[in-house]
Amino acid sequence: MDRSHLVEGLTVEPLPPGALVASPVEANIADTPALRAALTKACSKLQVKDEAVTLLLPDPVIRVFVQHFDDFPRAHREALPMLRWKLRKSIPFEIDDAVLSYTRQTGRKAGVDVVTVLPRQRIVREYEELAESAAAQGNTGDTVVLELTVIYSRA
């Protein structure tokens, strides 16, 4: 059985008001010690030590676009520049500062729909550094809504 997509544990730790401020542009972590303490406590409860964990970013941090293309490149190296060019004026930060991820979906009409996710690199790095400081290897990039969509589609 492939266990790579199973939730093996879950815990919730309260955060002090204002410790985290979700923004696609500005710094998100306002109280590093409080967030590190909460994450360390959660990792302890789940017995996570130097393991890969998935951090779900708050929805306001990431911009999501669904675009329809009559023709879309199959090669990743061709698709990325095209998506960067099309979306460069649609986000509140420079496109070169974005971590761009996309997936192709069969369109309702001829062509293909492309779901593109764009968080700002330095915002993603804030969350990764927080995870690393709590002795976990943070993998970020998805939001709660996107993860729930993936989980629901597999059910």
Foldseek 3Di string as FASTA:
>chain_A
DDCPLPDPDDDDFDAPPPQADAALPDAGGPNLVRLLVRLLVRCVVVVNAAEEDEDAGAPNQKDKDKDWDLDADPDPVVRVVVVLVVCQPVDPDGSVQWDKDKDWDPDPDHGIIIIIMTGGNVNQVVVQVSQVSSRYGYDYGHHPVVSVVVVVVVD
